[in-house]
């Protein structure tokens, strides 16, 4: 299905934008970022293309060596287009007993298409972020997602994005001198017909006031182009998030399963 290809192209592009090194193999792509070893999206093996289940053991041994040589934890993202098959790879990874954590998820894939009557929107308290906002953004996103106290990796990731505002436009809502909501878009220049919502975050003390919807509407109306389609993924069980995106104009395209295996 087209949406599966689109969302995977966007994810692979995101990972490589945030990583320091990309290793291209016949059987996968490995993104490495020893400068930020705790950031999962820039330290991952993806796009698995093995010919036979018997290859999994050697594949894991070889690729884990690459991760460990770079000083980062081996991590694999396996999607529904992986071969020999998603289910076979899940079985083989689980049977290997090499992983401390395996997480299987189903995402709802939603898409927003640039409307013919689009007008760049402005909203009180919503503005585009700059590099000077890194500390406030880090605090907001860490609180919204419950990341705890060890968030140096998040600050490093956000700094990369803030320094590249064309590819990663970030919009924030500020009330009483603090950020209460933010949106990060991902607009890879090599995929001008596509876009991706990388982050939507609202301070838990300020949720259910429509702040995230306002930020997202302003970001989309100001940063996208005619005929561009913007995707996002939302966990299957989070109904309130799905309703929020529907109010902004996102339409469900389908569901997509993946699993993440971490050493």
Protein backbone atom coordinates (compact mmCIF):
# COMPACT_ATOMS: atom_id res chain seq x y z
CA UNK A 1 0.00 0.00 0.00
CA UNK A 2 1.22 3.51 -0.81
CA UNK A 3 0.99 4.77 2.76
CA UNK A 4 3.27 1.98 3.99
CA UNK A 5 6.00 2.96 1.52
CA UNK A 6 5.55 6.63 2.29
CA UNK A 7 5.77 6.32 6.06
CA UNK A 8 8.82 4.04 5.85
CA UNK A 9 10.61 6.39 3.43
CA UNK A 10 9.92 9.24 5.85
CA UNK A 11 11.12 7.26 8.86
CA UNK A 12 14.32 6.12 7.16
CA UNK A 13 14.98 9.71 6.09
CA UNK A 14 14.39 10.93 9.65
CA UNK A 15 16.77 8.38 11.15
CA UNK A 16 19.53 9.26 8.67
CA UNK A 17 19.04 13.00 9.21
CA UNK A 18 19.59 12.58 12.94
CA UNK A 19 22.41 10.02 12.72
CA UNK A 20 26.12 10.67 12.23
CA UNK A 21 26.94 7.65 10.04
CA UNK A 22 24.88 5.43 7.75
CA UNK A 23 26.09 1.91 6.96
CA UNK A 24 24.48 0.46 3.82
CA UNK A 25 24.35 -3.32 3.65
CA UNK A 26 22.56 -5.59 1.21
CA UNK A 27 20.41 -6.86 4.07
CA UNK A 28 19.73 -3.65 6.04
CA UNK A 29 20.57 -0.02 6.72
CA UNK A 30 22.33 0.81 10.00
CA UNK A 31 22.26 4.36 11.38
CA UNK A 32 24.85 5.18 14.05
CA UNK A 33 25.37 8.25 16.21
CA UNK A 34 28.13 7.68 18.79
CA UNK A 35 27.90 11.39 19.71
CA UNK A 36 24.39 10.71 21.06
CA UNK A 37 24.38 6.98 21.88
CA UNK A 38 21.17 7.06 23.95
CA UNK A 39 19.00 8.49 21.17
CA UNK A 40 17.18 5.50 19.75
CA UNK A 41 16.11 6.94 16.39
CA UNK A 42 19.69 7.76 15.38
CA UNK A 43 21.10 4.40 16.50
CA UNK A 44 19.09 1.69 14.75
CA UNK A 45 19.15 -1.01 12.08
CA UNK A 46 16.17 -0.88 9.73
CA UNK A 47 14.96 -1.90 6.27
CA UNK A 48 15.77 -5.58 6.84
CA UNK A 49 15.97 -7.58 3.60
CA UNK A 50 17.12 -11.12 4.35
CA UNK A 51 16.59 -13.92 1.87
CA UNK A 52 16.00 -16.79 4.29
CA UNK A 53 15.38 -17.33 8.04
CA UNK A 54 18.64 -19.29 8.25
CA UNK A 55 20.50 -16.00 7.68
CA UNK A 56 19.17 -14.34 10.83
CA UNK A 57 21.78 -15.75 13.21
CA UNK A 58 24.77 -14.57 11.12
CA UNK A 59 23.00 -11.28 10.40
CA UNK A 60 22.57 -10.52 14.09
CA UNK A 61 26.15 -11.47 14.92
CA UNK A 62 27.59 -9.26 12.17
CA UNK A 63 25.38 -6.24 12.78
CA UNK A 64 25.74 -6.36 16.56
CA UNK A 65 29.49 -6.16 16.07
CA UNK A 66 29.00 -2.97 14.05
CA UNK A 67 26.92 -1.41 16.83
CA UNK A 68 29.30 -2.46 19.57
CA UNK A 69 32.36 -1.21 17.66
CA UNK A 70 30.68 2.20 17.49
CA UNK A 71 29.94 2.06 21.22
CA UNK A 72 26.14 2.04 20.96
CA UNK A 73 23.46 -0.46 21.98
CA UNK A 74 22.25 -2.74 19.16
CA UNK A 75 18.66 -1.87 18.24
CA UNK A 76 16.51 -3.14 15.37
CA UNK A 77 13.31 -1.76 13.87
CA UNK A 78 11.47 -4.42 11.87
CA UNK A 79 8.50 -3.35 9.73
CA UNK A 80 5.86 -5.18 7.71
CA UNK A 81 7.84 -4.91 4.46
CA UNK A 82 10.87 -6.66 5.98
CA UNK A 83 11.84 -10.03 4.51
CA UNK A 84 11.64 -13.00 4.61
CA UNK A 85 8.49 -11.97 6.55
CA UNK A 86 7.55 -9.89 9.57
CA UNK A 87 6.30 -12.91 11.54
CA UNK A 88 9.30 -15.07 10.67
CA UNK A 89 11.71 -12.36 11.78
CA UNK A 90 9.83 -11.84 15.03
CA UNK A 91 10.05 -15.58 15.74
CA UNK A 92 13.75 -15.72 14.90
CA UNK A 93 14.64 -12.62 16.93
CA UNK A 94 12.72 -13.91 19.94
CA UNK A 95 14.29 -17.36 19.67
CA UNK A 96 17.80 -15.90 19.56
CA UNK A 97 17.51 -14.75 23.21
CA UNK A 98 19.90 -11.92 22.41
CA UNK A 99 17.53 -9.10 23.33
CA UNK A 100 16.70 -7.62 26.70
CA UNK A 101 13.58 -5.99 25.31
CA UNK A 102 11.25 -6.71 22.39
CA UNK A 103 8.25 -4.47 21.81
CA UNK A 104 5.55 -5.13 19.22
CA UNK A 105 3.20 -2.26 18.27
CA UNK A 106 0.43 -1.39 15.85
CA UNK A 107 0.28 2.22 14.66
CA UNK A 108 -2.61 4.00 13.01
CA UNK A 109 -1.26 5.84 9.97
CA UNK A 110 -2.97 9.17 9.28
CA UNK A 111 -2.42 11.72 6.53
CA UNK A 112 -3.21 15.39 5.91
CA UNK A 113 -3.23 16.81 2.37
CA UNK A 114 -2.52 20.45 1.59
CA UNK A 115 -5.94 22.06 1.03
CA UNK A 116 -6.72 24.13 -2.06
CA UNK A 117 -7.81 27.06 0.11
CA UNK A 118 -4.82 26.96 2.46
CA UNK A 119 -3.96 30.28 4.14
CA UNK A 120 -0.92 30.75 6.37
CA UNK A 121 -2.31 30.96 9.90
CA UNK A 122 -1.21 33.00 12.87
CA UNK A 123 -2.32 32.34 16.43
CA UNK A 124 -1.67 34.27 19.64
CA UNK A 125 1.20 32.76 21.65
CA UNK A 126 2.26 30.41 18.78
CA UNK A 127 5.57 31.06 17.02
CA UNK A 128 8.39 29.30 15.23
CA UNK A 129 11.15 28.14 17.56
CA UNK A 130 14.83 29.03 17.30
CA UNK A 131 18.06 27.53 18.60
CA UNK A 132 17.77 29.66 21.77
CA UNK A 133 14.61 27.70 22.69
CA UNK A 134 16.41 24.37 23.06
CA UNK A 135 16.38 24.23 26.87
CA UNK A 136 12.68 25.09 27.12
CA UNK A 137 11.77 22.60 24.40
CA UNK A 138 13.79 19.87 26.06
CA UNK A 139 12.02 20.47 29.37
CA UNK A 140 8.58 20.46 27.73
CA UNK A 141 9.04 17.28 25.68
CA UNK A 142 10.70 15.41 28.55
CA UNK A 143 7.76 16.27 30.82
CA UNK A 144 5.15 15.43 28.18
CA UNK A 145 6.65 12.00 27.42
CA UNK A 146 7.85 11.16 30.93
CA UNK A 147 11.50 10.83 29.96
CA UNK A 148 12.84 11.35 33.48
CA UNK A 149 16.00 13.23 34.44
CA UNK A 150 18.55 11.81 31.97
CA UNK A 151 17.63 13.93 28.94
CA UNK A 152 20.97 15.04 27.51
CA UNK A 153 20.25 12.84 24.47
CA UNK A 154 16.99 14.75 23.88
CA UNK A 155 18.70 18.13 24.02
CA UNK A 156 21.30 16.97 21.48
CA UNK A 157 18.59 15.67 19.16
CA UNK A 158 16.58 18.90 19.38
CA UNK A 159 19.66 21.03 18.74
CA UNK A 160 20.23 19.20 15.44
CA UNK A 161 16.65 19.91 14.45
CA UNK A 162 16.64 23.55 15.58
CA UNK A 163 19.78 24.18 13.52
CA UNK A 164 17.98 22.92 10.40
CA UNK A 165 14.65 24.78 10.44
CA UNK A 166 13.86 24.12 6.76
CA UNK A 167 13.86 20.35 7.25
CA UNK A 168 12.64 20.45 10.86
CA UNK A 169 10.32 23.43 11.41
CA UNK A 170 9.36 23.60 15.08
CA UNK A 171 6.43 25.60 16.45
CA UNK A 172 5.80 26.34 20.12
CA UNK A 173 3.00 27.79 22.19
CA UNK A 174 4.22 29.94 25.06
CA UNK A 175 2.07 31.01 28.01
CA UNK A 176 3.31 32.99 31.03
CA UNK A 177 6.92 32.62 29.91
CA UNK A 178 6.85 28.81 29.56
CA UNK A 179 6.30 26.47 26.65
CA UNK A 180 3.04 24.54 27.00
CA UNK A 181 2.88 22.81 23.62
CA UNK A 182 5.05 22.17 20.55
CA UNK A 183 5.06 20.51 17.14
CA UNK A 184 8.07 19.30 15.14
CA UNK A 185 7.58 18.67 11.42
CA UNK A 186 9.97 16.70 9.25
CA UNK A 187 10.07 17.90 5.62
CA UNK A 188 12.89 16.05 3.82
CA UNK A 189 13.95 18.00 0.72
CA UNK A 190 14.43 14.80 -1.28
CA UNK A 191 10.75 13.92 -0.75
CA UNK A 192 9.07 17.25 -1.59
CA UNK A 193 5.63 15.63 -2.01
CA UNK A 194 5.73 14.20 1.53
CA UNK A 195 6.03 15.38 5.11
CA UNK A 196 5.98 13.89 8.56
CA UNK A 197 4.87 14.97 12.03
CA UNK A 198 7.85 13.99 14.17
CA UNK A 199 6.66 15.27 17.58
CA UNK A 200 3.48 16.64 19.13
CA UNK A 201 3.89 17.41 22.83
CA UNK A 202 1.83 19.25 25.43
CA UNK A 203 2.66 19.86 29.08
CA UNK A 204 0.44 17.45 31.08
CA UNK A 205 -0.73 20.40 33.21
CA UNK A 206 -2.10 22.11 30.08
CA UNK A 207 -3.68 19.26 28.14
CA UNK A 208 -7.25 19.16 26.79
CA UNK A 209 -7.23 22.90 25.93
CA UNK A 210 -6.61 22.52 22.18
CA UNK A 211 -3.03 23.85 22.37
CA UNK A 212 -1.52 20.98 20.35
CA UNK A 213 -4.15 21.37 17.62
CA UNK A 214 -3.38 25.10 17.36
CA UNK A 215 0.37 24.50 17.08
CA UNK A 216 -0.14 21.80 14.47
CA UNK A 217 -2.53 23.92 12.38
CA UNK A 218 -0.13 26.87 12.37
CA UNK A 219 2.86 24.65 11.50
CA UNK A 220 1.07 22.90 8.62
CA UNK A 221 -0.42 26.07 7.16
CA UNK A 222 2.92 27.90 7.17
CA UNK A 223 5.37 25.16 6.21
CA UNK A 224 3.71 22.92 3.63
CA UNK A 225 3.27 23.30 -0.14
CA UNK A 226 0.48 22.54 -2.64
CA UNK A 227 -0.12 18.79 -3.23
CA UNK A 228 2.07 17.85 -0.23
CA UNK A 229 0.85 15.00 1.95
CA UNK A 230 1.89 14.94 5.61
CA UNK A 231 1.80 11.68 7.59
CA UNK A 232 1.86 10.79 11.25
CA UNK A 233 1.71 7.64 13.34
CA UNK A 234 -0.37 7.24 16.47
CA UNK A 235 -0.59 4.22 18.75
CA UNK A 236 -3.71 2.18 18.08
CA UNK A 237 -4.98 2.48 21.66
CA UNK A 238 -4.68 6.29 22.04
CA UNK A 239 -8.15 7.38 20.94
CA UNK A 240 -7.92 10.98 22.17
CA UNK A 241 -4.81 11.60 20.03
CA UNK A 242 -6.57 10.20 16.97
CA UNK A 243 -9.53 12.52 17.56
CA UNK A 244 -7.18 15.51 17.91
CA UNK A 245 -5.58 14.81 14.54
CA UNK A 246 -8.95 14.26 12.89
CA UNK A 247 -10.02 17.74 14.03
CA UNK A 248 -6.97 19.19 12.28
CA UNK A 249 -7.89 17.33 9.06
CA UNK A 250 -5.88 14.09 9.21
CA UNK A 251 -7.58 11.02 7.74
CA UNK A 252 -6.86 7.41 8.71
CA UNK A 253 -5.00 5.55 5.94
CA UNK A 254 -4.67 2.19 7.67
CA UNK A 255 -2.70 0.33 10.31
CA UNK A 256 0.90 -0.76 10.31
CA UNK A 257 2.71 -3.15 12.62
CA UNK A 258 6.34 -3.11 13.66
CA UNK A 259 8.57 -4.45 16.38
CA UNK A 260 11.65 -3.07 18.08
CA UNK A 261 14.35 -5.35 19.48
CA UNK A 262 17.00 -3.93 21.82
CA UNK A 263 20.07 -5.79 23.07
